[in-house]
Amino acid sequence: MPQEGSIEAAKGKFGVPPEHVLTETSHDTLRTLGEREVWTYEERDASGATVALYEEWRHVTDPHLRPTTGWRKLRPDGTPFEPVDLRYGE
């Protein structure tokens, strides 16, 4: 089982085929009234062509509350797939 937060865990979550490469392209943390983390990823096929981008987030508004998590898949040009695909965690 892949470790939570690993690239392999992200590949499983996003449904990336095993022959594709998933690379984390950024990770930002904002700490204002709570904490918000945002990760971005790029998926490439076996030929090296970008086939999708992903945005994943984790937001905690209060330390006593469960975080809100989610992700969405984007086209290589950064536009969302239709309908907008937002998937929320527990």
PDB file of N, CA and C in Angstrom:
ATOM      1  N   MET A   1       0.854  -1.186   0.000  1.00  0.00           N
ATOM      2  CA  MET A   1       0.000   0.000   0.000  1.00  0.00           C
ATOM      3  C   MET A   1       0.892   1.239   0.000  1.00  0.00           C
ATOM      4  N   PRO A   2       0.655   2.170  -0.934  1.00  0.00           N
ATOM      5  CA  PRO A   2       1.480   3.381  -0.980  1.00  0.00           C
ATOM      6  C   PRO A   2       1.279   4.252   0.256  1.00  0.00           C
ATOM      7  N   GLN A   3       2.358   4.911   0.669  1.00  0.00           N
ATOM      8  CA  GLN A   3       2.305   5.807   1.818  1.00  0.00           C
ATOM      9  C   GLN A   3       1.517   7.063   1.448  1.00  0.00           C
ATOM     10  N   GLU A   4       0.609   7.486   2.350  1.00  0.00           N
ATOM     11  CA  GLU A   4      -0.176   8.708   2.141  1.00  0.00           C
ATOM     12  C   GLU A   4       0.763   9.872   1.870  1.00  0.00           C
ATOM     13  N   GLY A   5       0.471  10.659   0.866  1.00  0.00           N
ATOM     14  CA  GLY A   5       1.300  11.804   0.521  1.00  0.00           C
ATOM     15  C   GLY A   5       2.386  11.477  -0.494  1.00  0.00           C
ATOM     16  N   SER A   6       2.515  10.197  -0.871  1.00  0.00           N
ATOM     17  CA  SER A   6       3.530   9.818  -1.850  1.00  0.00           C
ATOM     18  C   SER A   6       2.985   9.971  -3.270  1.00  0.00           C
ATOM     19  N   ILE A   7       3.883   9.983  -4.235  1.00  0.00           N
ATOM     20  CA  ILE A   7       3.474  10.045  -5.637  1.00  0.00           C
ATOM     21  C   ILE A   7       2.647   8.810  -5.991  1.00  0.00           C
ATOM     22  N   GLU A   8       3.039   7.645  -5.481  1.00  0.00           N
ATOM     23  CA  GLU A   8       2.284   6.422  -5.777  1.00  0.00           C
ATOM     24  C   GLU A   8       0.857   6.505  -5.221  1.00  0.00           C
ATOM     25  N   ALA A   9       0.697   7.095  -4.042  1.00  0.00           N
ATOM     26  CA  ALA A   9      -0.651   7.275  -3.483  1.00  0.00           C
ATOM     27  C   ALA A   9      -1.461   8.230  -4.353  1.00  0.00           C
ATOM     28  N   ALA A  10      -0.824   9.302  -4.831  1.00  0.00           N
ATOM     29  CA  ALA A  10      -1.514  10.262  -5.707  1.00  0.00           C
ATOM     30  C   ALA A  10      -1.906   9.596  -7.023  1.00  0.00           C
ATOM     31  N   LYS A  11      -1.022   8.766  -7.594  1.00  0.00           N
ATOM     32  CA  LYS A  11      -1.351   8.060  -8.840  1.00  0.00           C
ATOM     33  C   LYS A  11      -2.586   7.189  -8.651  1.00  0.00           C
ATOM     34  N   GLY A  12      -2.664   6.498  -7.528  1.00  0.00           N
ATOM     35  CA  GLY A  12      -3.826   5.660  -7.253  1.00  0.00           C
ATOM     36  C   GLY A  12      -5.093   6.482  -7.075  1.00  0.00           C
ATOM     37  N   LYS A  13      -4.989   7.572  -6.347  1.00  0.00           N
ATOM     38  CA  LYS A  13      -6.142   8.443  -6.099  1.00  0.00           C
ATOM     39  C   LYS A  13      -6.691   9.018  -7.398  1.00  0.00           C
ATOM     40  N   PHE A  14      -5.779   9.449  -8.289  1.00  0.00           N
ATOM     41  CA  PHE A  14      -6.190  10.086  -9.543  1.00  0.00           C
ATOM     42  C   PHE A  14      -6.494   9.084 -10.650  1.00  0.00           C
ATOM     43  N   GLY A  15      -6.158   7.810 -10.449  1.00  0.00           N
ATOM     44  CA  GLY A  15      -6.395   6.810 -11.479  1.00  0.00           C
ATOM     45  C   GLY A  15      -5.415   6.888 -12.643  1.00  0.00           C
ATOM     46  N   VAL A  16      -4.168   7.281 -12.354  1.00  0.00           N
ATOM     47  CA  VAL A  16      -3.142   7.397 -13.392  1.00  0.00           C
ATOM     48  C   VAL A  16      -2.665   5.994 -13.778  1.00  0.00           C
ATOM     49  N   PRO A  17      -2.648   5.670 -15.075  1.00  0.00           N
ATOM     50  CA  PRO A  17      -2.177   4.343 -15.494  1.00  0.00           C
ATOM     51  C   PRO A  17      -0.728   4.104 -15.073  1.00  0.00           C
ATOM     52  N   PRO A  18      -0.364   2.855 -14.784  1.00  0.00           N
ATOM     53  CA  PRO A  18       0.990   2.556 -14.304  1.00  0.00           C
ATOM     54  C   PRO A  18       2.094   2.967 -15.270  1.00  0.00           C
ATOM     55  N   GLU A  19       1.809   2.959 -16.571  1.00  0.00           N
ATOM     56  CA  GLU A  19       2.841   3.310 -17.549  1.00  0.00           C
ATOM     57  C   GLU A  19       3.034   4.822 -17.695  1.00  0.00           C
ATOM     58  N   HIS A  20       2.182   5.626 -17.054  1.00  0.00           N
ATOM     59  CA  HIS A  20       2.316   7.083 -17.089  1.00  0.00           C
ATOM     60  C   HIS A  20       3.147   7.557 -15.904  1.00  0.00           C
ATOM     61  N   VAL A  21       3.740   8.721 -16.045  1.00  0.00           N
ATOM     62  CA  VAL A  21       4.565   9.319 -14.995  1.00  0.00           C
ATOM     63  C   VAL A  21       3.796  10.493 -14.399  1.00  0.00           C
ATOM     64  N   LEU A  22       3.721  10.547 -13.074  1.00  0.00           N
ATOM     65  CA  LEU A  22       3.102  11.663 -12.367  1.00  0.00           C
ATOM     66  C   LEU A  22       4.192  12.394 -11.601  1.00  0.00           C
ATOM     67  N   THR A  23       4.276  13.712 -11.807  1.00  0.00           N
ATOM     68  CA  THR A  23       5.298  14.528 -11.161  1.00  0.00           C
ATOM     69  C   THR A  23       4.628  15.653 -10.384  1.00  0.00           C
ATOM     70  N   GLU A  24       5.046  15.849  -9.132  1.00  0.00           N
ATOM     71  CA  GLU A  24       4.564  17.003  -8.361  1.00  0.00           C
ATOM     72  C   GLU A  24       5.268  18.243  -8.899  1.00  0.00           C
ATOM     73  N   THR A  25       4.489  19.253  -9.293  1.00  0.00           N
ATOM     74  CA  THR A  25       5.081  20.459  -9.868  1.00  0.00           C
ATOM     75  C   THR A  25       5.110  21.633  -8.904  1.00  0.00           C
ATOM     76  N   SER A  26       4.271  21.598  -7.860  1.00  0.00           N
ATOM     77  CA  SER A  26       4.343  22.644  -6.833  1.00  0.00           C
ATOM     78  C   SER A  26       3.606  22.203  -5.580  1.00  0.00           C
ATOM     79  N   HIS A  27       3.960  22.842  -4.468  1.00  0.00           N
ATOM     80  CA  HIS A  27       3.303  22.629  -3.178  1.00  0.00           C
ATOM     81  C   HIS A  27       3.367  23.948  -2.433  1.00  0.00           C
ATOM     82  N   ASP A  28       2.207  24.502  -2.129  1.00  0.00           N
ATOM     83  CA  ASP A  28       2.130  25.776  -1.416  1.00  0.00           C
ATOM     84  C   ASP A  28       1.339  25.595  -0.137  1.00  0.00           C
ATOM     85  N   THR A  29       1.777  26.254   0.916  1.00  0.00           N
ATOM     86  CA  THR A  29       1.063  26.259   2.185  1.00  0.00           C
ATOM     87  C   THR A  29       0.773  27.695   2.571  1.00  0.00           C
ATOM     88  N   LEU A  30      -0.499  27.978   2.849  1.00  0.00           N
ATOM     89  CA  LEU A  30      -0.913  29.303   3.312  1.00  0.00           C
ATOM     90  C   LEU A  30      -1.407  29.156   4.745  1.00  0.00           C
ATOM     91  N   ARG A  31      -0.856  29.932   5.638  1.00  0.00           N
ATOM     92  CA  ARG A  31      -1.291  29.874   7.033  1.00  0.00           C
ATOM     93  C   ARG A  31      -1.800  31.244   7.439  1.00  0.00           C
ATOM     94  N   THR A  32      -3.090  31.405   7.348  1.00  0.00           N
ATOM     95  CA  THR A  32      -3.716  32.645   7.806  1.00  0.00           C
ATOM     96  C   THR A  32      -4.710  32.252   8.885  1.00  0.00           C
ATOM     97  N   LEU A  33      -5.973  32.339   8.631  1.00  0.00           N
ATOM     98  CA  LEU A  33      -6.988  31.882   9.585  1.00  0.00           C
ATOM     99  C   LEU A  33      -7.268  30.410   9.314  1.00  0.00           C
ATOM    100  N   GLY A  34      -6.320  29.586   9.619  1.00  0.00           N
ATOM    101  CA  GLY A  34      -6.388  28.173   9.300  1.00  0.00           C
ATOM    102  C   GLY A  34      -5.196  27.819   8.443  1.00  0.00           C
ATOM    103  N   GLU A  35      -5.249  26.682   7.843  1.00  0.00           N
ATOM    104  CA  GLU A  35      -4.144  26.239   6.998  1.00  0.00           C
ATOM    105  C   GLU A  35      -4.706  25.714   5.689  1.00  0.00           C
ATOM    106  N   ARG A  36      -4.087  26.098   4.606  1.00  0.00           N
ATOM    107  CA  ARG A  36      -4.493  25.606   3.288  1.00  0.00           C
ATOM    108  C   ARG A  36      -3.242  25.154   2.546  1.00  0.00           C
ATOM    109  N   GLU A  37      -3.247  23.909   2.130  1.00  0.00           N
ATOM    110  CA  GLU A  37      -2.150  23.373   1.332  1.00  0.00           C
ATOM    111  C   GLU A  37      -2.692  23.034  -0.048  1.00  0.00           C
ATOM    112  N   VAL A  38      -1.908  23.347  -1.069  1.00  0.00           N
ATOM    113  CA  VAL A  38      -2.282  23.067  -2.447  1.00  0.00           C
ATOM    114  C   VAL A  38      -1.091  22.435  -3.154  1.00  0.00           C
ATOM    115  N   TRP A  39      -1.357  21.323  -3.834  1.00  0.00           N
ATOM    116  CA  TRP A  39      -0.343  20.634  -4.625  1.00  0.00           C
ATOM    117  C   TRP A  39      -0.796  20.644  -6.077  1.00  0.00           C
ATOM    118  N   THR A  40       0.157  20.702  -6.998  1.00  0.00           N
ATOM    119  CA  THR A  40      -0.161  20.521  -8.409  1.00  0.00           C
ATOM    120  C   THR A  40       0.729  19.415  -8.963  1.00  0.00           C
ATOM    121  N   TYR A  41       0.176  18.693  -9.919  1.00  0.00           N
ATOM    122  CA  TYR A  41       0.858  17.552 -10.528  1.00  0.00           C
ATOM    123  C   TYR A  41       0.691  17.601 -12.037  1.00  0.00           C
ATOM    124  N   GLU A  42       1.621  16.924 -12.725  1.00  0.00           N
ATOM    125  CA  GLU A  42       1.552  16.788 -14.175  1.00  0.00           C
ATOM    126  C   GLU A  42       1.655  15.301 -14.510  1.00  0.00           C
ATOM    127  N   GLU A  43       0.749  14.825 -15.359  1.00  0.00           N
ATOM    128  CA  GLU A  43       0.766  13.438 -15.817  1.00  0.00           C
ATOM    129  C   GLU A  43       1.275  13.397 -17.252  1.00  0.00           C
ATOM    130  N   ARG A  44       2.270  12.538 -17.493  1.00  0.00           N
ATOM    131  CA  ARG A  44       2.833  12.354 -18.838  1.00  0.00           C
ATOM    132  C   ARG A  44       2.678  10.897 -19.259  1.00  0.00           C
ATOM    133  N   ASP A  45       2.412  10.714 -20.553  1.00  0.00           N
ATOM    134  CA  ASP A  45       2.286   9.359 -21.073  1.00  0.00           C
ATOM    135  C   ASP A  45       3.664   8.786 -21.386  1.00  0.00           C
ATOM    136  N   ALA A  46       3.696   7.573 -21.936  1.00  0.00           N
ATOM    137  CA  ALA A  46       4.965   6.888 -22.202  1.00  0.00           C
ATOM    138  C   ALA A  46       5.838   7.640 -23.199  1.00  0.00           C
ATOM    139  N   SER A  47       5.225   8.452 -24.077  1.00  0.00           N
ATOM    140  CA  SER A  47       6.010   9.224 -25.046  1.00  0.00           C
ATOM    141  C   SER A  47       6.523  10.537 -24.469  1.00  0.00           C
ATOM    142  N   GLY A  48       6.083  10.877 -23.241  1.00  0.00           N
ATOM    143  CA  GLY A  48       6.512  12.119 -22.601  1.00  0.00           C
ATOM    144  C   GLY A  48       5.559  13.275 -22.794  1.00  0.00           C
ATOM    145  N   ALA A  49       4.445  13.032 -23.490  1.00  0.00           N
ATOM    146  CA  ALA A  49       3.456  14.093 -23.719  1.00  0.00           C
ATOM    147  C   ALA A  49       2.611  14.305 -22.462  1.00  0.00           C
ATOM    148  N   THR A  50       2.355  15.570 -22.128  1.00  0.00           N
ATOM    149  CA  THR A  50       1.485  15.884 -20.996  1.00  0.00           C
ATOM    150  C   THR A  50       0.053  15.530 -21.381  1.00  0.00           C
ATOM    151  N   VAL A  51      -0.599  14.704 -20.555  1.00  0.00           N
ATOM    152  CA  VAL A  51      -1.970  14.292 -20.842  1.00  0.00           C
ATOM    153  C   VAL A  51      -2.971  14.884 -19.856  1.00  0.00           C
ATOM    154  N   ALA A  52      -2.504  15.313 -18.675  1.00  0.00           N
ATOM    155  CA  ALA A  52      -3.413  15.897 -17.689  1.00  0.00           C
ATOM    156  C   ALA A  52      -2.616  16.622 -16.613  1.00  0.00           C
ATOM    157  N   LEU A  53      -3.292  17.559 -15.969  1.00  0.00           N
ATOM    158  CA  LEU A  53      -2.776  18.255 -14.795  1.00  0.00           C
ATOM    159  C   LEU A  53      -3.752  17.978 -13.663  1.00  0.00           C
ATOM    160  N   TYR A  54      -3.280  18.060 -12.441  1.00  0.00           N
ATOM    161  CA  TYR A  54      -4.128  17.837 -11.274  1.00  0.00           C
ATOM    162  C   TYR A  54      -3.849  18.914 -10.237  1.00  0.00           C
ATOM    163  N   GLU A  55      -4.899  19.325  -9.538  1.00  0.00           N
ATOM    164  CA  GLU A  55      -4.787  20.200  -8.373  1.00  0.00           C
ATOM    165  C   GLU A  55      -5.375  19.434  -7.197  1.00  0.00           C
ATOM    166  N   GLU A  56      -4.664  19.424  -6.094  1.00  0.00           N
ATOM    167  CA  GLU A  56      -5.133  18.760  -4.883  1.00  0.00           C
ATOM    168  C   GLU A  56      -5.020  19.745  -3.735  1.00  0.00           C
ATOM    169  N   TRP A  57      -5.958  19.705  -2.803  1.00  0.00           N
ATOM    170  CA  TRP A  57      -5.909  20.648  -1.687  1.00  0.00           C
ATOM    171  C   TRP A  57      -6.330  20.004  -0.380  1.00  0.00           C
ATOM    172  N   ARG A  58      -5.889  20.627   0.686  1.00  0.00           N
ATOM    173  CA  ARG A  58      -6.248  20.264   2.058  1.00  0.00           C
ATOM    174  C   ARG A  58      -6.415  21.572   2.809  1.00  0.00           C
ATOM    175  N   HIS A  59      -7.576  21.775   3.420  1.00  0.00           N
ATOM    176  CA  HIS A  59      -7.874  23.033   4.087  1.00  0.00           C
ATOM    177  C   HIS A  59      -8.430  22.747   5.478  1.00  0.00           C
ATOM    178  N   VAL A  60      -7.803  23.348   6.475  1.00  0.00           N
ATOM    179  CA  VAL A  60      -8.254  23.209   7.858  1.00  0.00           C
ATOM    180  C   VAL A  60      -8.586  24.608   8.366  1.00  0.00           C
ATOM    181  N   THR A  61      -9.851  24.832   8.715  1.00  0.00           N
ATOM    182  CA  THR A  61     -10.243  26.153   9.205  1.00  0.00           C
ATOM    183  C   THR A  61     -10.068  26.294  10.708  1.00  0.00           C
ATOM    184  N   ASP A  62     -10.056  25.167  11.408  1.00  0.00           N
ATOM    185  CA  ASP A  62      -9.928  25.163  12.865  1.00  0.00           C
ATOM    186  C   ASP A  62      -9.218  23.872  13.254  1.00  0.00           C
ATOM    187  N   PRO A  63      -8.233  23.934  14.157  1.00  0.00           N
ATOM    188  CA  PRO A  63      -7.495  22.723  14.529  1.00  0.00           C
ATOM    189  C   PRO A  63      -8.369  21.603  15.088  1.00  0.00           C
ATOM    190  N   HIS A  64      -9.572  21.934  15.545  1.00  0.00           N
ATOM    191  CA  HIS A  64     -10.462  20.942  16.139  1.00  0.00           C
ATOM    192  C   HIS A  64     -11.401  20.314  15.107  1.00  0.00           C
ATOM    193  N   LEU A  65     -11.341  20.779  13.857  1.00  0.00           N
ATOM    194  CA  LEU A  65     -12.218  20.268  12.808  1.00  0.00           C
ATOM    195  C   LEU A  65     -11.455  19.348  11.871  1.00  0.00           C
ATOM    196  N   ARG A  66     -12.186  18.485  11.198  1.00  0.00           N
ATOM    197  CA  ARG A  66     -11.574  17.635  10.176  1.00  0.00           C
ATOM    198  C   ARG A  66     -11.248  18.492   8.962  1.00  0.00           C
ATOM    199  N   PRO A  67     -10.163  18.181   8.278  1.00  0.00           N
ATOM    200  CA  PRO A  67      -9.811  18.957   7.089  1.00  0.00           C
ATOM    201  C   PRO A  67     -10.750  18.679   5.925  1.00  0.00           C
ATOM    202  N   THR A  68     -10.894  19.659   5.058  1.00  0.00           N
ATOM    203  CA  THR A  68     -11.580  19.491   3.792  1.00  0.00           C
ATOM    204  C   THR A  68     -10.498  19.199   2.762  1.00  0.00           C
ATOM    205  N   THR A  69     -10.660  18.100   2.041  1.00  0.00           N
ATOM    206  CA  THR A  69      -9.678  17.736   1.032  1.00  0.00           C
ATOM    207  C   THR A  69     -10.379  17.502  -0.288  1.00  0.00           C
ATOM    208  N   GLY A  70      -9.645  17.654  -1.371  1.00  0.00           N
ATOM    209  CA  GLY A  70     -10.228  17.389  -2.673  1.00  0.00           C
ATOM    210  C   GLY A  70      -9.208  17.528  -3.767  1.00  0.00           C
ATOM    211  N   TRP A  71      -9.641  17.221  -4.983  1.00  0.00           N
ATOM    212  CA  TRP A  71      -8.765  17.357  -6.135  1.00  0.00           C
ATOM    213  C   TRP A  71      -9.606  17.479  -7.392  1.00  0.00           C
ATOM    214  N   ARG A  72      -8.950  17.977  -8.443  1.00  0.00           N
ATOM    215  CA  ARG A  72      -9.609  18.028  -9.735  1.00  0.00           C
ATOM    216  C   ARG A  72      -8.591  17.783 -10.840  1.00  0.00           C
ATOM    217  N   LYS A  73      -9.107  17.227 -11.931  1.00  0.00           N
ATOM    218  CA  LYS A  73      -8.287  16.905 -13.093  1.00  0.00           C
ATOM    219  C   LYS A  73      -8.506  17.990 -14.146  1.00  0.00           C
ATOM    220  N   LEU A  74      -7.392  18.443 -14.745  1.00  0.00           N
ATOM    221  CA  LEU A  74      -7.438  19.501 -15.750  1.00  0.00           C
ATOM    222  C   LEU A  74      -6.832  19.004 -17.063  1.00  0.00           C
ATOM    223  N   ARG A  75      -7.255  19.620 -18.150  1.00  0.00           N
ATOM    224  CA  ARG A  75      -6.628  19.349 -19.446  1.00  0.00           C
ATOM    225  C   ARG A  75      -5.208  19.905 -19.435  1.00  0.00           C
ATOM    226  N   PRO A  76      -4.365  19.474 -20.378  1.00  0.00           N
ATOM    227  CA  PRO A  76      -2.990  19.991 -20.426  1.00  0.00           C
ATOM    228  C   PRO A  76      -2.901  21.517 -20.544  1.00  0.00           C
ATOM    229  N   ASP A  77      -3.935  22.161 -21.101  1.00  0.00           N
ATOM    230  CA  ASP A  77      -3.914  23.627 -21.193  1.00  0.00           C
ATOM    231  C   ASP A  77      -4.403  24.300 -19.909  1.00  0.00           C
ATOM    232  N   GLY A  78      -4.769  23.502 -18.885  1.00  0.00           N
ATOM    233  CA  GLY A  78      -5.191  24.045 -17.598  1.00  0.00           C
ATOM    234  C   GLY A  78      -6.682  24.256 -17.440  1.00  0.00           C
ATOM    235  N   THR A  79      -7.463  23.972 -18.484  1.00  0.00           N
ATOM    236  CA  THR A  79      -8.918  24.127 -18.370  1.00  0.00           C
ATOM    237  C   THR A  79      -9.514  22.868 -17.756  1.00  0.00           C
ATOM    238  N   PRO A  80     -10.562  23.022 -16.958  1.00  0.00           N
ATOM    239  CA  PRO A  80     -11.176  21.848 -16.327  1.00  0.00           C
ATOM    240  C   PRO A  80     -11.909  20.984 -17.352  1.00  0.00           C
ATOM    241  N   PHE A  81     -11.963  19.697 -17.067  1.00  0.00           N
ATOM    242  CA  PHE A  81     -12.792  18.807 -17.864  1.00  0.00           C
ATOM    243  C   PHE A  81     -14.241  19.161 -17.583  1.00  0.00           C
ATOM    244  N   GLU A  82     -15.120  18.922 -18.538  1.00  0.00           N
ATOM    245  CA  GLU A  82     -16.549  19.178 -18.352  1.00  0.00           C
ATOM    246  C   GLU A  82     -17.260  17.880 -18.056  1.00  0.00           C
ATOM    247  N   PRO A  83     -18.097  17.800 -17.057  1.00  0.00           N
ATOM    248  CA  PRO A  83     -18.297  18.822 -16.047  1.00  0.00           C
ATOM    249  C   PRO A  83     -17.067  18.909 -15.140  1.00  0.00           C
ATOM    250  N   VAL A  84     -16.973  20.008 -14.418  1.00  0.00           N
ATOM    251  CA  VAL A  84     -15.832  20.181 -13.514  1.00  0.00           C
ATOM    252  C   VAL A  84     -15.797  18.992 -12.564  1.00  0.00           C
ATOM    253  N   ASP A  85     -14.646  18.364 -12.452  1.00  0.00           N
ATOM    254  CA  ASP A  85     -14.484  17.134 -11.702  1.00  0.00           C
ATOM    255  C   ASP A  85     -13.823  17.417 -10.372  1.00  0.00           C
ATOM    256  N   LEU A  86     -14.608  17.592  -9.320  1.00  0.00           N
ATOM    257  CA  LEU A  86     -14.094  17.802  -7.977  1.00  0.00           C
ATOM    258  C   LEU A  86     -14.368  16.558  -7.164  1.00  0.00           C
ATOM    259  N   ARG A  87     -13.339  16.034  -6.542  1.00  0.00           N
ATOM    260  CA  ARG A  87     -13.509  14.847  -5.714  1.00  0.00           C
ATOM    261  C   ARG A  87     -13.057  15.180  -4.310  1.00  0.00           C
ATOM    262  N   TYR A  88     -13.920  14.946  -3.368  1.00  0.00           N
ATOM    263  CA  TYR A  88     -13.620  15.302  -1.984  1.00  0.00           C
ATOM    264  C   TYR A  88     -13.329  14.068  -1.171  1.00  0.00           C
ATOM    265  N   GLY A  89     -12.366  14.205  -0.270  1.00  0.00           N
ATOM    266  CA  GLY A  89     -12.008  13.120   0.634  1.00  0.00           C
ATOM    267  C   GLY A  89     -12.878  13.138   1.869  1.00  0.00           C
ATOM    268  N   GLU A  90     -12.468  12.332   2.820  1.00  0.00           N
ATOM    269  CA  GLU A  90     -13.238  12.260   4.062  1.00  0.00           C
ATOM    270  C   GLU A  90     -12.859  13.377   4.994  1.00  0.00           C
TER     271      GLU A  90
END
